[in-house]
PDB file of N, CA and C in Angstrom:
ATOM      1  N   MET A   1     109.375 115.957  86.470  1.00  0.00           N
ATOM      2  CA  MET A   1     109.293 115.595  87.840  1.00  0.00           C
ATOM      3  C   MET A   1     108.426 116.484  88.660  1.00  0.00           C
ATOM      4  N   GLN A   2     107.549 115.937  89.436  1.00  0.00           N
ATOM      5  CA  GLN A   2     106.714 116.676  90.332  1.00  0.00           C
ATOM      6  C   GLN A   2     107.149 116.324  91.768  1.00  0.00           C
ATOM      7  N   ALA A   3     107.398 117.364  92.538  1.00  0.00           N
ATOM      8  CA  ALA A   3     107.841 117.048  93.953  1.00  0.00           C
ATOM      9  C   ALA A   3     106.892 117.670  94.942  1.00  0.00           C
ATOM     10  N   SER A   4     106.778 117.003  96.076  1.00  0.00           N
ATOM     11  CA  SER A   4     106.112 117.521  97.239  1.00  0.00           C
ATOM     12  C   SER A   4     107.067 117.340  98.411  1.00  0.00           C
ATOM     13  N   LYS A   5     106.456 117.335  99.624  1.00  0.00           N
ATOM     14  CA  LYS A   5     107.345 117.379 100.769  1.00  0.00           C
ATOM     15  C   LYS A   5     108.388 116.252 100.839  1.00  0.00           C
ATOM     16  N   ASN A   6     107.842 114.988 100.755  1.00  0.00           N
ATOM     17  CA  ASN A   6     108.797 113.795 100.835  1.00  0.00           C
ATOM     18  C   ASN A   6     108.555 112.741  99.834  1.00  0.00           C
ATOM     19  N   ASN A   7     108.006 113.122  98.675  1.00  0.00           N
ATOM     20  CA  ASN A   7     107.823 112.212  97.588  1.00  0.00           C
ATOM     21  C   ASN A   7     107.902 112.938  96.249  1.00  0.00           C
ATOM     22  N   PHE A   8     108.096 112.225  95.192  1.00  0.00           N
ATOM     23  CA  PHE A   8     108.028 112.834  93.924  1.00  0.00           C
ATOM     24  C   PHE A   8     107.594 111.815  92.875  1.00  0.00           C
ATOM     25  N   SER A   9     107.066 112.263  91.771  1.00  0.00           N
ATOM     26  CA  SER A   9     106.680 111.303  90.759  1.00  0.00           C
ATOM     27  C   SER A   9     107.344 111.738  89.453  1.00  0.00           C
ATOM     28  N   GLU A  10     107.565 110.737  88.614  1.00  0.00           N
ATOM     29  CA  GLU A  10     108.155 110.901  87.346  1.00  0.00           C
ATOM     30  C   GLU A  10     107.257 110.147  86.338  1.00  0.00           C
ATOM     31  N   LYS A  11     106.821 110.876  85.326  1.00  0.00           N
ATOM     32  CA  LYS A  11     105.952 110.272  84.218  1.00  0.00           C
ATOM     33  C   LYS A  11     106.897 109.808  83.128  1.00  0.00           C
ATOM     34  N   LYS A  12     106.639 108.574  82.667  1.00  0.00           N
ATOM     35  CA  LYS A  12     107.412 107.999  81.560  1.00  0.00           C
ATOM     36  C   LYS A  12     106.462 107.470  80.455  1.00  0.00           C
ATOM     37  N   SER A  13     106.749 107.733  79.233  1.00  0.00           N
ATOM     38  CA  SER A  13     106.014 107.256  78.127  1.00  0.00           C
ATOM     39  C   SER A  13     106.857 106.283  77.357  1.00  0.00           C
ATOM     40  N   TYR A  14     108.075 106.047  77.784  1.00  0.00           N
ATOM     41  CA  TYR A  14     109.060 105.131  77.106  1.00  0.00           C
ATOM     42  C   TYR A  14     109.756 104.340  78.153  1.00  0.00           C
ATOM     43  N   LEU A  15     110.326 103.212  77.730  1.00  0.00           N
ATOM     44  CA  LEU A  15     111.084 102.366  78.627  1.00  0.00           C
ATOM     45  C   LEU A  15     112.594 102.816  78.587  1.00  0.00           C
ATOM     46  N   SER A  16     113.183 102.891  79.761  1.00  0.00           N
ATOM     47  CA  SER A  16     114.627 103.260  79.793  1.00  0.00           C
ATOM     48  C   SER A  16     115.293 102.491  80.978  1.00  0.00           C
ATOM     49  N   ASN A  17     116.398 101.837  80.668  1.00  0.00           N
ATOM     50  CA  ASN A  17     117.115 101.197  81.762  1.00  0.00           C
ATOM     51  C   ASN A  17     117.746 102.125  82.738  1.00  0.00           C
ATOM     52  N   ASN A  18     117.833 103.405  82.401  1.00  0.00           N
ATOM     53  CA  ASN A  18     118.449 104.423  83.276  1.00  0.00           C
ATOM     54  C   ASN A  18     117.443 105.047  84.319  1.00  0.00           C
ATOM     55  N   THR A  19     116.166 104.624  84.267  1.00  0.00           N
ATOM     56  CA  THR A  19     115.161 105.116  85.182  1.00  0.00           C
ATOM     57  C   THR A  19     115.578 105.112  86.608  1.00  0.00           C
ATOM     58  N   PRO A  20     116.069 104.001  87.184  1.00  0.00           N
ATOM     59  CA  PRO A  20     116.466 104.002  88.609  1.00  0.00           C
ATOM     60  C   PRO A  20     117.540 104.978  88.838  1.00  0.00           C
ATOM     61  N   PHE A  21     118.476 105.197  88.011  1.00  0.00           N
ATOM     62  CA  PHE A  21     119.545 106.218  88.109  1.00  0.00           C
ATOM     63  C   PHE A  21     119.059 107.613  88.052  1.00  0.00           C
ATOM     64  N   GLN A  22     118.061 107.809  87.203  1.00  0.00           N
ATOM     65  CA  GLN A  22     117.403 109.127  87.094  1.00  0.00           C
ATOM     66  C   GLN A  22     116.685 109.487  88.367  1.00  0.00           C
ATOM     67  N   LEU A  23     116.028 108.486  88.940  1.00  0.00           N
ATOM     68  CA  LEU A  23     115.317 108.704  90.245  1.00  0.00           C
ATOM     69  C   LEU A  23     116.328 109.044  91.330  1.00  0.00           C
ATOM     70  N   LEU A  24     117.438 108.264  91.370  1.00  0.00           N
ATOM     71  CA  LEU A  24     118.480 108.491  92.381  1.00  0.00           C
ATOM     72  C   LEU A  24     119.069 109.910  92.256  1.00  0.00           C
ATOM     73  N   LYS A  25     119.219 110.354  90.993  1.00  0.00           N
ATOM     74  CA  LYS A  25     119.781 111.702  90.730  1.00  0.00           C
ATOM     75  C   LYS A  25     118.778 112.739  91.319  1.00  0.00           C
ATOM     76  N   TYR A  26     117.505 112.559  91.039  1.00  0.00           N
ATOM     77  CA  TYR A  26     116.521 113.493  91.572  1.00  0.00           C
ATOM     78  C   TYR A  26     116.512 113.539  93.140  1.00  0.00           C
ATOM     79  N   MET A  27     116.612 112.295  93.720  1.00  0.00           N
ATOM     80  CA  MET A  27     116.665 112.257  95.196  1.00  0.00           C
ATOM     81  C   MET A  27     117.919 112.948  95.735  1.00  0.00           C
ATOM     82  N   MET A  28     119.032 112.749  95.090  1.00  0.00           N
ATOM     83  CA  MET A  28     120.284 113.444  95.511  1.00  0.00           C
ATOM     84  C   MET A  28     120.094 114.981  95.493  1.00  0.00           C
ATOM     85  N   LYS A  29     119.490 115.423  94.403  1.00  0.00           N
ATOM     86  CA  LYS A  29     119.230 116.911  94.339  1.00  0.00           C
ATOM     87  C   LYS A  29     118.341 117.386  95.458  1.00  0.00           C
ATOM     88  N   ILE A  30     117.297 116.674  95.767  1.00  0.00           N
ATOM     89  CA  ILE A  30     116.487 117.045  96.900  1.00  0.00           C
ATOM     90  C   ILE A  30     117.267 117.059  98.185  1.00  0.00           C
ATOM     91  N   TRP A  31     118.011 116.049  98.449  1.00  0.00           N
ATOM     92  CA  TRP A  31     118.869 115.961  99.700  1.00  0.00           C
ATOM     93  C   TRP A  31     119.832 117.086  99.748  1.00  0.00           C
ATOM     94  N   GLU A  32     120.538 117.366  98.639  1.00  0.00           N
ATOM     95  CA  GLU A  32     121.509 118.397  98.616  1.00  0.00           C
ATOM     96  C   GLU A  32     120.963 119.721  98.898  1.00  0.00           C
ATOM     97  N   LYS A  33     119.773 120.030  98.254  1.00  0.00           N
ATOM     98  CA  LYS A  33     119.084 121.280  98.500  1.00  0.00           C
ATOM     99  C   LYS A  33     118.713 121.448  99.989  1.00  0.00           C
ATOM    100  N   LYS A  34     118.172 120.470 100.538  1.00  0.00           N
ATOM    101  CA  LYS A  34     117.826 120.483 101.965  1.00  0.00           C
ATOM    102  C   LYS A  34     118.989 120.690 102.928  1.00  0.00           C
ATOM    103  N   ALA A  35     120.061 119.939 102.637  1.00  0.00           N
ATOM    104  CA  ALA A  35     121.322 120.034 103.460  1.00  0.00           C
ATOM    105  C   ALA A  35     121.870 121.415 103.394  1.00  0.00           C
ATOM    106  N   ILE A  36     121.881 121.972 102.206  1.00  0.00           N
ATOM    107  CA  ILE A  36     122.496 123.344 102.068  1.00  0.00           C
ATOM    108  C   ILE A  36     121.570 124.406 102.613  1.00  0.00           C
ATOM    109  N   LYS A  37     120.309 124.367 102.272  1.00  0.00           N
ATOM    110  CA  LYS A  37     119.339 125.415 102.631  1.00  0.00           C
ATOM    111  C   LYS A  37     119.126 125.434 104.199  1.00  0.00           C
ATOM    112  N   GLU A  38     119.084 124.244 104.819  1.00  0.00           N
ATOM    113  CA  GLU A  38     118.764 124.175 106.224  1.00  0.00           C
ATOM    114  C   GLU A  38     120.007 123.878 107.092  1.00  0.00           C
ATOM    115  N   LYS A  39     121.153 123.721 106.474  1.00  0.00           N
ATOM    116  CA  LYS A  39     122.426 123.391 107.120  1.00  0.00           C
ATOM    117  C   LYS A  39     122.214 122.248 108.144  1.00  0.00           C
ATOM    118  N   THR A  40     121.649 121.111 107.557  1.00  0.00           N
ATOM    119  CA  THR A  40     121.382 119.989 108.433  1.00  0.00           C
ATOM    120  C   THR A  40     121.965 118.711 107.787  1.00  0.00           C
ATOM    121  N   ASP A  41     122.158 117.715 108.620  1.00  0.00           N
ATOM    122  CA  ASP A  41     122.560 116.421 108.067  1.00  0.00           C
ATOM    123  C   ASP A  41     121.343 115.464 108.217  1.00  0.00           C
ATOM    124  N   LYS A  42     120.238 115.885 108.709  1.00  0.00           N
ATOM    125  CA  LYS A  42     119.008 115.043 108.798  1.00  0.00           C
ATOM    126  C   LYS A  42     118.253 115.193 107.476  1.00  0.00           C
ATOM    127  N   LEU A  43     118.234 114.037 106.705  1.00  0.00           N
ATOM    128  CA  LEU A  43     117.604 114.111 105.396  1.00  0.00           C
ATOM    129  C   LEU A  43     116.235 113.357 105.498  1.00  0.00           C
ATOM    130  N   PRO A  44     115.337 113.855 104.678  1.00  0.00           N
ATOM    131  CA  PRO A  44     113.983 113.178 104.619  1.00  0.00           C
ATOM    132  C   PRO A  44     114.017 111.899 103.971  1.00  0.00           C
ATOM    133  N   ILE A  45     113.038 111.048 104.277  1.00  0.00           N
ATOM    134  CA  ILE A  45     112.837 109.832 103.527  1.00  0.00           C
ATOM    135  C   ILE A  45     112.060 110.243 102.232  1.00  0.00           C
ATOM    136  N   ILE A  46     112.489 109.735 101.119  1.00  0.00           N
ATOM    137  CA  ILE A  46     111.863 110.086  99.864  1.00  0.00           C
ATOM    138  C   ILE A  46     111.280 108.831  99.228  1.00  0.00           C
ATOM    139  N   ILE A  47     110.052 108.923  98.811  1.00  0.00           N
ATOM    140  CA  ILE A  47     109.373 107.772  98.215  1.00  0.00           C
ATOM    141  C   ILE A  47     109.111 108.149  96.711  1.00  0.00           C
ATOM    142  N   PRO A  48     109.940 107.596  95.815  1.00  0.00           N
ATOM    143  CA  PRO A  48     109.810 107.905  94.379  1.00  0.00           C
ATOM    144  C   PRO A  48     108.700 107.085  93.817  1.00  0.00           C
ATOM    145  N   LEU A  49     108.018 107.630  92.833  1.00  0.00           N
ATOM    146  CA  LEU A  49     106.880 106.977  92.169  1.00  0.00           C
ATOM    147  C   LEU A  49     107.094 107.182  90.642  1.00  0.00           C
ATOM    148  N   VAL A  50     107.114 106.124  89.879  1.00  0.00           N
ATOM    149  CA  VAL A  50     107.127 106.245  88.405  1.00  0.00           C
ATOM    150  C   VAL A  50     105.768 105.907  87.899  1.00  0.00           C
ATOM    151  N   VAL A  51     105.157 106.776  87.087  1.00  0.00           N
ATOM    152  CA  VAL A  51     103.909 106.551  86.408  1.00  0.00           C
ATOM    153  C   VAL A  51     104.216 106.277  84.946  1.00  0.00           C
ATOM    154  N   TYR A  52     104.052 105.071  84.523  1.00  0.00           N
ATOM    155  CA  TYR A  52     104.394 104.641  83.123  1.00  0.00           C
ATOM    156  C   TYR A  52     103.153 104.565  82.335  1.00  0.00           C
ATOM    157  N   HIS A  53     103.123 105.300  81.134  1.00  0.00           N
ATOM    158  CA  HIS A  53     101.942 105.291  80.320  1.00  0.00           C
ATOM    159  C   HIS A  53     102.294 105.006  78.840  1.00  0.00           C
ATOM    160  N   GLY A  54     103.314 104.158  78.693  1.00  0.00           N
ATOM    161  CA  GLY A  54     103.777 103.819  77.350  1.00  0.00           C
ATOM    162  C   GLY A  54     102.926 102.718  76.726  1.00  0.00           C
ATOM    163  N   GLU A  55     103.148 102.454  75.425  1.00  0.00           N
ATOM    164  CA  GLU A  55     102.440 101.453  74.761  1.00  0.00           C
ATOM    165  C   GLU A  55     102.859 100.031  75.152  1.00  0.00           C
ATOM    166  N   ASN A  56     104.157  99.790  75.355  1.00  0.00           N
ATOM    167  CA  ASN A  56     104.703  98.457  75.660  1.00  0.00           C
ATOM    168  C   ASN A  56     104.526  98.226  77.116  1.00  0.00           C
ATOM    169  N   GLN A  57     104.551  96.926  77.520  1.00  0.00           N
ATOM    170  CA  GLN A  57     104.447  96.602  78.907  1.00  0.00           C
ATOM    171  C   GLN A  57     105.800  96.950  79.599  1.00  0.00           C
ATOM    172  N   TRP A  58     105.726  97.362  80.814  1.00  0.00           N
ATOM    173  CA  TRP A  58     106.922  97.695  81.602  1.00  0.00           C
ATOM    174  C   TRP A  58     107.588  96.410  81.926  1.00  0.00           C
ATOM    175  N   ASN A  59     108.820  96.218  81.423  1.00  0.00           N
ATOM    176  CA  ASN A  59     109.535  94.979  81.686  1.00  0.00           C
ATOM    177  C   ASN A  59     110.966  95.188  82.151  1.00  0.00           C
ATOM    178  N   LEU A  60     111.150  96.325  82.853  1.00  0.00           N
ATOM    179  CA  LEU A  60     112.481  96.695  83.315  1.00  0.00           C
ATOM    180  C   LEU A  60     112.511  96.415  84.814  1.00  0.00           C
ATOM    181  N   ARG A  61     113.770  96.362  85.359  1.00  0.00           N
ATOM    182  CA  ARG A  61     113.848  96.122  86.814  1.00  0.00           C
ATOM    183  C   ARG A  61     113.233  97.281  87.528  1.00  0.00           C
ATOM    184  N   THR A  62     112.830  97.010  88.765  1.00  0.00           N
ATOM    185  CA  THR A  62     112.132  97.995  89.609  1.00  0.00           C
ATOM    186  C   THR A  62     112.938  98.418  90.810  1.00  0.00           C
ATOM    187  N   PHE A  63     114.256  97.978  90.836  1.00  0.00           N
ATOM    188  CA  PHE A  63     115.098  98.288  91.949  1.00  0.00           C
ATOM    189  C   PHE A  63     116.585  98.392  91.447  1.00  0.00           C
ATOM    190  N   LEU A  64     117.429  99.044  92.314  1.00  0.00           N
ATOM    191  CA  LEU A  64     118.828  99.223  91.921  1.00  0.00           C
ATOM    192  C   LEU A  64     119.658  98.056  92.139  1.00  0.00           C
ATOM    193  N   GLY A  65     119.455  97.307  93.259  1.00  0.00           N
ATOM    194  CA  GLY A  65     120.241  96.168  93.639  1.00  0.00           C
ATOM    195  C   GLY A  65     120.109  94.971  92.668  1.00  0.00           C
ATOM    196  N   SER A  66     120.959  94.058  92.837  1.00  0.00           N
ATOM    197  CA  SER A  66     121.008  92.819  91.995  1.00  0.00           C
ATOM    198  C   SER A  66     120.103  91.741  92.497  1.00  0.00           C
TER     199      SER A  66
END
């Protein structure tokens, strides 16, 4: 994972149904760090980006909702 101020990217070379949950976990870590370090309840908007470079076509859901 590479992170900057309000976004991060994840590079994937394989398909995984857990990718949305992995991104959510990363986002939670960023929010927790900010809340603890700055003692604030104002959390930044995070824009996650997945860069897929696997051999097979990406055919997984791209969102958490149904």
